[in-house]
Every structure is written in C-alpha cells, then in structure tokens.
Amino acid sequence: MTTAEYNADNPFAVSVGKASGQKAEQISYVLCHQPKSFDWRLRKANSHPLKSLSNSLFIQVCERLNQIIQIG
C-alpha cells in the first residue's frame, strides 16, 4: 500500500481508507499492478497497519488485478 497522492488518479490504485500513524489522515491505496505486494507474509514483510481489507475492497482489488493478468 501507498499514500502517495499521485495515486488518486492511478487506474491501477484502489483507495482503501485513511492511513494511521505518521501518515494519519492520508488516503491509502493498494496498487493492483504489483501483485507481489498482495502476500506480505511470503515476502517476510510486516503487516500493514490496516491489517486486512473489507471483503468488498478486496474484491475490487482482485477484479482490477484480473483485468491486468486475466486469470479468470
């Protein structure tokens, strides 16, 4: 996820709500064209402060990723 403001009009970014901590009040985006970021455990990264997305946001992200890689 990222809070970079230029992602507001990025067709591959899904807005998932406001960030917390140092970036409080900034909008967080999932970048759907970076599928490696979907599995933070595999990359041995720390979990995002949001922990997980709601089902509806997760579906939006997966649908956008599927538009790119067309798996089904």
PDB file of N, CA and C in Angstrom:
ATOM      1  N   MET A   1       0.837  -1.175   0.000  1.00  0.00           N
ATOM      2  CA  MET A   1       0.000   0.000   0.000  1.00  0.00           C
ATOM      3  C   MET A   1       0.880   1.236   0.000  1.00  0.00           C
ATOM      4  N   THR A   2       0.275   2.305  -0.437  1.00  0.00           N
ATOM      5  CA  THR A   2       0.986   3.572  -0.505  1.00  0.00           C
ATOM      6  C   THR A   2       0.028   4.711  -0.175  1.00  0.00           C
ATOM      7  N   THR A   3       0.599   5.817   0.234  1.00  0.00           N
ATOM      8  CA  THR A   3      -0.210   7.013   0.490  1.00  0.00           C
ATOM      9  C   THR A   3       0.171   8.139  -0.462  1.00  0.00           C
ATOM     10  N   ALA A   4       0.948   7.842  -1.489  1.00  0.00           N
ATOM     11  CA  ALA A   4       1.365   8.871  -2.441  1.00  0.00           C
ATOM     12  C   ALA A   4       0.138   9.479  -3.120  1.00  0.00           C
ATOM     13  N   GLU A   5       0.010  10.784  -3.036  1.00  0.00           N
ATOM     14  CA  GLU A   5      -1.172  11.487  -3.538  1.00  0.00           C
ATOM     15  C   GLU A   5      -1.394  11.307  -5.036  1.00  0.00           C
ATOM     16  N   TYR A   6      -0.320  11.108  -5.799  1.00  0.00           N
ATOM     17  CA  TYR A   6      -0.482  10.980  -7.248  1.00  0.00           C
ATOM     18  C   TYR A   6      -1.248   9.717  -7.632  1.00  0.00           C
ATOM     19  N   ASN A   7      -1.478   8.812  -6.687  1.00  0.00           N
ATOM     20  CA  ASN A   7      -2.244   7.607  -6.985  1.00  0.00           C
ATOM     21  C   ASN A   7      -3.748   7.843  -7.007  1.00  0.00           C
ATOM     22  N   ALA A   8      -4.178   9.050  -6.674  1.00  0.00           N
ATOM     23  CA  ALA A   8      -5.608   9.363  -6.686  1.00  0.00           C
ATOM     24  C   ALA A   8      -6.215   9.146  -8.071  1.00  0.00           C
ATOM     25  N   ASP A   9      -5.444   9.379  -9.115  1.00  0.00           N
ATOM     26  CA  ASP A   9      -5.961   9.170 -10.471  1.00  0.00           C
ATOM     27  C   ASP A   9      -5.258   8.011 -11.192  1.00  0.00           C
ATOM     28  N   ASN A  10      -4.600   7.157 -10.431  1.00  0.00           N
ATOM     29  CA  ASN A  10      -3.932   5.980 -10.984  1.00  0.00           C
ATOM     30  C   ASN A  10      -4.985   4.901 -11.229  1.00  0.00           C
ATOM     31  N   PRO A  11      -5.159   4.453 -12.472  1.00  0.00           N
ATOM     32  CA  PRO A  11      -6.186   3.441 -12.742  1.00  0.00           C
ATOM     33  C   PRO A  11      -5.890   2.087 -12.101  1.00  0.00           C
ATOM     34  N   PHE A  12      -4.667   1.879 -11.644  1.00  0.00           N
ATOM     35  CA  PHE A  12      -4.302   0.619 -11.008  1.00  0.00           C
ATOM     36  C   PHE A  12      -4.329   0.699  -9.488  1.00  0.00           C
ATOM     37  N   ALA A  13      -4.777   1.815  -8.932  1.00  0.00           N
ATOM     38  CA  ALA A  13      -4.815   2.001  -7.487  1.00  0.00           C
ATOM     39  C   ALA A  13      -6.258   1.984  -6.989  1.00  0.00           C
ATOM     40  N   VAL A  14      -6.471   1.293  -5.862  1.00  0.00           N
ATOM     41  CA  VAL A  14      -7.781   1.268  -5.214  1.00  0.00           C
ATOM     42  C   VAL A  14      -7.640   1.944  -3.862  1.00  0.00           C
ATOM     43  N   SER A  15      -8.443   2.954  -3.625  1.00  0.00           N
ATOM     44  CA  SER A  15      -8.443   3.662  -2.355  1.00  0.00           C
ATOM     45  C   SER A  15      -9.076   2.769  -1.292  1.00  0.00           C
ATOM     46  N   VAL A  16      -8.364   2.579  -0.178  1.00  0.00           N
ATOM     47  CA  VAL A  16      -8.854   1.662   0.858  1.00  0.00           C
ATOM     48  C   VAL A  16      -9.071   2.338   2.205  1.00  0.00           C
ATOM     49  N   GLY A  17      -9.023   3.649   2.248  1.00  0.00           N
ATOM     50  CA  GLY A  17      -9.294   4.354   3.503  1.00  0.00           C
ATOM     51  C   GLY A  17      -8.117   5.170   3.982  1.00  0.00           C
ATOM     52  N   LYS A  18      -8.293   5.764   5.145  1.00  0.00           N
ATOM     53  CA  LYS A  18      -7.265   6.642   5.695  1.00  0.00           C
ATOM     54  C   LYS A  18      -6.196   5.854   6.434  1.00  0.00           C
ATOM     55  N   ALA A  19      -4.983   6.322   6.301  1.00  0.00           N
ATOM     56  CA  ALA A  19      -3.842   5.710   6.982  1.00  0.00           C
ATOM     57  C   ALA A  19      -3.851   6.109   8.456  1.00  0.00           C
ATOM     58  N   SER A  20      -2.997   5.473   9.221  1.00  0.00           N
ATOM     59  CA  SER A  20      -2.844   5.827  10.629  1.00  0.00           C
ATOM     60  C   SER A  20      -1.367   6.074  10.904  1.00  0.00           C
ATOM     61  N   GLY A  21      -1.029   6.381  12.123  1.00  0.00           N
ATOM     62  CA  GLY A  21       0.363   6.615  12.486  1.00  0.00           C
ATOM     63  C   GLY A  21       0.895   7.908  11.906  1.00  0.00           C
ATOM     64  N   GLN A  22       2.129   7.871  11.421  1.00  0.00           N
ATOM     65  CA  GLN A  22       2.771   9.072  10.878  1.00  0.00           C
ATOM     66  C   GLN A  22       2.030   9.642   9.681  1.00  0.00           C
ATOM     67  N   LYS A  23       1.331   8.813   8.967  1.00  0.00           N
ATOM     68  CA  LYS A  23       0.639   9.263   7.758  1.00  0.00           C
ATOM     69  C   LYS A  23      -0.862   9.399   7.993  1.00  0.00           C
ATOM     70  N   ALA A  24      -1.250   9.605   9.230  1.00  0.00           N
ATOM     71  CA  ALA A  24      -2.662   9.725   9.586  1.00  0.00           C
ATOM     72  C   ALA A  24      -3.351  10.765   8.714  1.00  0.00           C
ATOM     73  N   GLU A  25      -4.565  10.442   8.373  1.00  0.00           N
ATOM     74  CA  GLU A  25      -5.424  11.307   7.559  1.00  0.00           C
ATOM     75  C   GLU A  25      -5.083  11.296   6.073  1.00  0.00           C
ATOM     76  N   GLN A  26      -4.029  10.603   5.658  1.00  0.00           N
ATOM     77  CA  GLN A  26      -3.754  10.453   4.232  1.00  0.00           C
ATOM     78  C   GLN A  26      -4.486   9.210   3.737  1.00  0.00           C
ATOM     79  N   ILE A  27      -4.849   9.205   2.475  1.00  0.00           N
ATOM     80  CA  ILE A  27      -5.545   8.063   1.884  1.00  0.00           C
ATOM     81  C   ILE A  27      -4.533   6.972   1.532  1.00  0.00           C
ATOM     82  N   SER A  28      -4.862   5.725   1.870  1.00  0.00           N
ATOM     83  CA  SER A  28      -4.039   4.572   1.498  1.00  0.00           C
ATOM     84  C   SER A  28      -4.580   3.965   0.220  1.00  0.00           C
ATOM     85  N   TYR A  29      -3.676   3.506  -0.638  1.00  0.00           N
ATOM     86  CA  TYR A  29      -4.036   2.873  -1.904  1.00  0.00           C
ATOM     87  C   TYR A  29      -3.356   1.518  -2.012  1.00  0.00           C
ATOM     88  N   VAL A  30      -4.086   0.540  -2.537  1.00  0.00           N
ATOM     89  CA  VAL A  30      -3.488  -0.730  -2.937  1.00  0.00           C
ATOM     90  C   VAL A  30      -3.164  -0.593  -4.414  1.00  0.00           C
ATOM     91  N   LEU A  31      -1.926  -0.888  -4.774  1.00  0.00           N
ATOM     92  CA  LEU A  31      -1.512  -0.822  -6.177  1.00  0.00           C
ATOM     93  C   LEU A  31      -1.709  -2.197  -6.799  1.00  0.00           C
ATOM     94  N   CYS A  32      -2.735  -2.321  -7.616  1.00  0.00           N
ATOM     95  CA  CYS A  32      -3.153  -3.615  -8.153  1.00  0.00           C
ATOM     96  C   CYS A  32      -2.222  -4.165  -9.217  1.00  0.00           C
ATOM     97  N   HIS A  33      -1.365  -3.346  -9.777  1.00  0.00           N
ATOM     98  CA  HIS A  33      -0.438  -3.825 -10.801  1.00  0.00           C
ATOM     99  C   HIS A  33       0.856  -4.339 -10.180  1.00  0.00           C
ATOM    100  N   GLN A  34       0.871  -4.471  -8.842  1.00  0.00           N
ATOM    101  CA  GLN A  34       2.032  -5.013  -8.140  1.00  0.00           C
ATOM    102  C   GLN A  34       1.588  -6.212  -7.301  1.00  0.00           C
ATOM    103  N   PRO A  35       1.282  -7.344  -7.947  1.00  0.00           N
ATOM    104  CA  PRO A  35       0.753  -8.491  -7.203  1.00  0.00           C
ATOM    105  C   PRO A  35       1.696  -9.017  -6.132  1.00  0.00           C
ATOM    106  N   LYS A  36       2.987  -8.749  -6.227  1.00  0.00           N
ATOM    107  CA  LYS A  36       3.904  -9.200  -5.174  1.00  0.00           C
ATOM    108  C   LYS A  36       3.550  -8.577  -3.833  1.00  0.00           C
ATOM    109  N   SER A  37       2.882  -7.430  -3.858  1.00  0.00           N
ATOM    110  CA  SER A  37       2.538  -6.760  -2.606  1.00  0.00           C
ATOM    111  C   SER A  37       1.332  -7.402  -1.927  1.00  0.00           C
ATOM    112  N   PHE A  38       0.643  -8.308  -2.606  1.00  0.00           N
ATOM    113  CA  PHE A  38      -0.548  -8.919  -2.032  1.00  0.00           C
ATOM    114  C   PHE A  38      -0.202  -9.867  -0.892  1.00  0.00           C
ATOM    115  N   ASP A  39       0.910 -10.566  -0.965  1.00  0.00           N
ATOM    116  CA  ASP A  39       1.247 -11.543   0.061  1.00  0.00           C
ATOM    117  C   ASP A  39       2.471 -11.100   0.846  1.00  0.00           C
ATOM    118  N   TRP A  40       2.239 -10.267   1.836  1.00  0.00           N
ATOM    119  CA  TRP A  40       3.338  -9.737   2.639  1.00  0.00           C
ATOM    120  C   TRP A  40       4.016 -10.830   3.452  1.00  0.00           C
ATOM    121  N   ARG A  41       3.298 -11.901   3.786  1.00  0.00           N
ATOM    122  CA  ARG A  41       3.925 -12.985   4.551  1.00  0.00           C
ATOM    123  C   ARG A  41       4.994 -13.686   3.720  1.00  0.00           C
ATOM    124  N   LEU A  42       4.691 -13.910   2.448  1.00  0.00           N
ATOM    125  CA  LEU A  42       5.646 -14.564   1.560  1.00  0.00           C
ATOM    126  C   LEU A  42       6.927 -13.738   1.439  1.00  0.00           C
ATOM    127  N   ARG A  43       6.766 -12.412   1.436  1.00  0.00           N
ATOM    128  CA  ARG A  43       7.934 -11.530   1.320  1.00  0.00           C
ATOM    129  C   ARG A  43       8.609 -11.290   2.666  1.00  0.00           C
ATOM    130  N   LYS A  44       8.036 -11.890   3.735  1.00  0.00           N
ATOM    131  CA  LYS A  44       8.559 -11.711   5.098  1.00  0.00           C
ATOM    132  C   LYS A  44       8.558 -10.232   5.512  1.00  0.00           C
ATOM    133  N   ALA A  45       7.529  -9.535   5.072  1.00  0.00           N
ATOM    134  CA  ALA A  45       7.371  -8.118   5.411  1.00  0.00           C
ATOM    135  C   ALA A  45       6.453  -7.989   6.623  1.00  0.00           C
ATOM    136  N   ASN A  46       6.393  -6.801   7.175  1.00  0.00           N
ATOM    137  CA  ASN A  46       5.474  -6.531   8.277  1.00  0.00           C
ATOM    138  C   ASN A  46       4.079  -6.284   7.723  1.00  0.00           C
ATOM    139  N   SER A  47       3.094  -6.642   8.515  1.00  0.00           N
ATOM    140  CA  SER A  47       1.726  -6.389   8.076  1.00  0.00           C
ATOM    141  C   SER A  47       1.461  -4.889   8.060  1.00  0.00           C
ATOM    142  N   HIS A  48       0.545  -4.493   7.205  1.00  0.00           N
ATOM    143  CA  HIS A  48       0.158  -3.085   7.114  1.00  0.00           C
ATOM    144  C   HIS A  48      -0.684  -2.734   8.339  1.00  0.00           C
ATOM    145  N   PRO A  49      -0.609  -1.505   8.819  1.00  0.00           N
ATOM    146  CA  PRO A  49      -1.415  -1.126   9.984  1.00  0.00           C
ATOM    147  C   PRO A  49      -2.920  -1.359   9.806  1.00  0.00           C
ATOM    148  N   LEU A  50      -3.422  -1.343   8.571  1.00  0.00           N
ATOM    149  CA  LEU A  50      -4.843  -1.630   8.356  1.00  0.00           C
ATOM    150  C   LEU A  50      -5.160  -3.106   8.574  1.00  0.00           C
ATOM    151  N   LYS A  51      -4.134  -3.955   8.608  1.00  0.00           N
ATOM    152  CA  LYS A  51      -4.213  -5.407   8.803  1.00  0.00           C
ATOM    153  C   LYS A  51      -4.866  -6.126   7.627  1.00  0.00           C
ATOM    154  N   SER A  52      -6.134  -5.862   7.326  1.00  0.00           N
ATOM    155  CA  SER A  52      -6.784  -6.518   6.200  1.00  0.00           C
ATOM    156  C   SER A  52      -7.849  -5.590   5.627  1.00  0.00           C
ATOM    157  N   LEU A  53      -8.260  -5.912   4.410  1.00  0.00           N
ATOM    158  CA  LEU A  53      -9.285  -5.117   3.744  1.00  0.00           C
ATOM    159  C   LEU A  53     -10.651  -5.739   3.978  1.00  0.00           C
ATOM    160  N   SER A  54     -11.670  -4.924   3.846  1.00  0.00           N
ATOM    161  CA  SER A  54     -13.024  -5.468   3.876  1.00  0.00           C
ATOM    162  C   SER A  54     -13.199  -6.346   2.642  1.00  0.00           C
ATOM    163  N   ASN A  55     -14.157  -7.235   2.687  1.00  0.00           N
ATOM    164  CA  ASN A  55     -14.383  -8.124   1.537  1.00  0.00           C
ATOM    165  C   ASN A  55     -14.666  -7.337   0.270  1.00  0.00           C
ATOM    166  N   SER A  56     -15.450  -6.264   0.361  1.00  0.00           N
ATOM    167  CA  SER A  56     -15.790  -5.505  -0.848  1.00  0.00           C
ATOM    168  C   SER A  56     -14.557  -4.835  -1.453  1.00  0.00           C
ATOM    169  N   LEU A  57     -13.666  -4.296  -0.618  1.00  0.00           N
ATOM    170  CA  LEU A  57     -12.437  -3.691  -1.149  1.00  0.00           C
ATOM    171  C   LEU A  57     -11.511  -4.754  -1.718  1.00  0.00           C
ATOM    172  N   PHE A  58     -11.417  -5.898  -1.050  1.00  0.00           N
ATOM    173  CA  PHE A  58     -10.572  -6.977  -1.548  1.00  0.00           C
ATOM    174  C   PHE A  58     -11.061  -7.452  -2.911  1.00  0.00           C
ATOM    175  N   ILE A  59     -12.366  -7.547  -3.084  1.00  0.00           N
ATOM    176  CA  ILE A  59     -12.935  -7.949  -4.375  1.00  0.00           C
ATOM    177  C   ILE A  59     -12.584  -6.920  -5.449  1.00  0.00           C
ATOM    178  N   GLN A  60     -12.680  -5.633  -5.122  1.00  0.00           N
ATOM    179  CA  GLN A  60     -12.312  -4.588  -6.091  1.00  0.00           C
ATOM    180  C   GLN A  60     -10.861  -4.730  -6.528  1.00  0.00           C
ATOM    181  N   VAL A  61      -9.984  -4.957  -5.555  1.00  0.00           N
ATOM    182  CA  VAL A  61      -8.563  -5.098  -5.852  1.00  0.00           C
ATOM    183  C   VAL A  61      -8.324  -6.324  -6.741  1.00  0.00           C
ATOM    184  N   CYS A  62      -8.947  -7.448  -6.401  1.00  0.00           N
ATOM    185  CA  CYS A  62      -8.763  -8.668  -7.199  1.00  0.00           C
ATOM    186  C   CYS A  62      -9.324  -8.504  -8.604  1.00  0.00           C
ATOM    187  N   GLU A  63     -10.464  -7.831  -8.730  1.00  0.00           N
ATOM    188  CA  GLU A  63     -11.027  -7.601 -10.063  1.00  0.00           C
ATOM    189  C   GLU A  63     -10.112  -6.728 -10.917  1.00  0.00           C
ATOM    190  N   ARG A  64      -9.524  -5.720 -10.307  1.00  0.00           N
ATOM    191  CA  ARG A  64      -8.618  -4.855 -11.058  1.00  0.00           C
ATOM    192  C   ARG A  64      -7.356  -5.620 -11.459  1.00  0.00           C
ATOM    193  N   LEU A  65      -6.819  -6.429 -10.547  1.00  0.00           N
ATOM    194  CA  LEU A  65      -5.662  -7.262 -10.879  1.00  0.00           C
ATOM    195  C   LEU A  65      -6.019  -8.225 -12.008  1.00  0.00           C
ATOM    196  N   ASN A  66      -7.207  -8.796 -11.962  1.00  0.00           N
ATOM    197  CA  ASN A  66      -7.620  -9.742 -13.001  1.00  0.00           C
ATOM    198  C   ASN A  66      -7.732  -9.061 -14.365  1.00  0.00           C
ATOM    199  N   GLN A  67      -8.082  -7.794 -14.393  1.00  0.00           N
ATOM    200  CA  GLN A  67      -8.111  -7.057 -15.670  1.00  0.00           C
ATOM    201  C   GLN A  67      -6.719  -7.010 -16.288  1.00  0.00           C
ATOM    202  N   ILE A  68      -5.713  -7.029 -15.451  1.00  0.00           N
ATOM    203  CA  ILE A  68      -4.337  -6.936 -15.929  1.00  0.00           C
ATOM    204  C   ILE A  68      -3.811  -8.312 -16.352  1.00  0.00           C
ATOM    205  N   ILE A  69      -4.018  -9.320 -15.492  1.00  0.00           N
ATOM    206  CA  ILE A  69      -3.413 -10.623 -15.774  1.00  0.00           C
ATOM    207  C   ILE A  69      -4.389 -11.656 -16.324  1.00  0.00           C
ATOM    208  N   GLN A  70      -5.659 -11.363 -16.294  1.00  0.00           N
ATOM    209  CA  GLN A  70      -6.724 -12.195 -16.874  1.00  0.00           C
ATOM    210  C   GLN A  70      -6.620 -13.663 -16.511  1.00  0.00           C
ATOM    211  N   ILE A  71      -6.803 -13.959 -15.214  1.00  0.00           N
ATOM    212  CA  ILE A  71      -6.753 -15.358 -14.774  1.00  0.00           C
ATOM    213  C   ILE A  71      -8.137 -15.995 -14.684  1.00  0.00           C
ATOM    214  N   GLY A  72      -9.186 -15.233 -14.771  1.00  0.00           N
ATOM    215  CA  GLY A  72     -10.485 -15.891 -14.729  1.00  0.00           C
ATOM    216  C   GLY A  72     -11.641 -15.028 -14.440  1.00  0.00           C
TER     217      GLY A  72
END
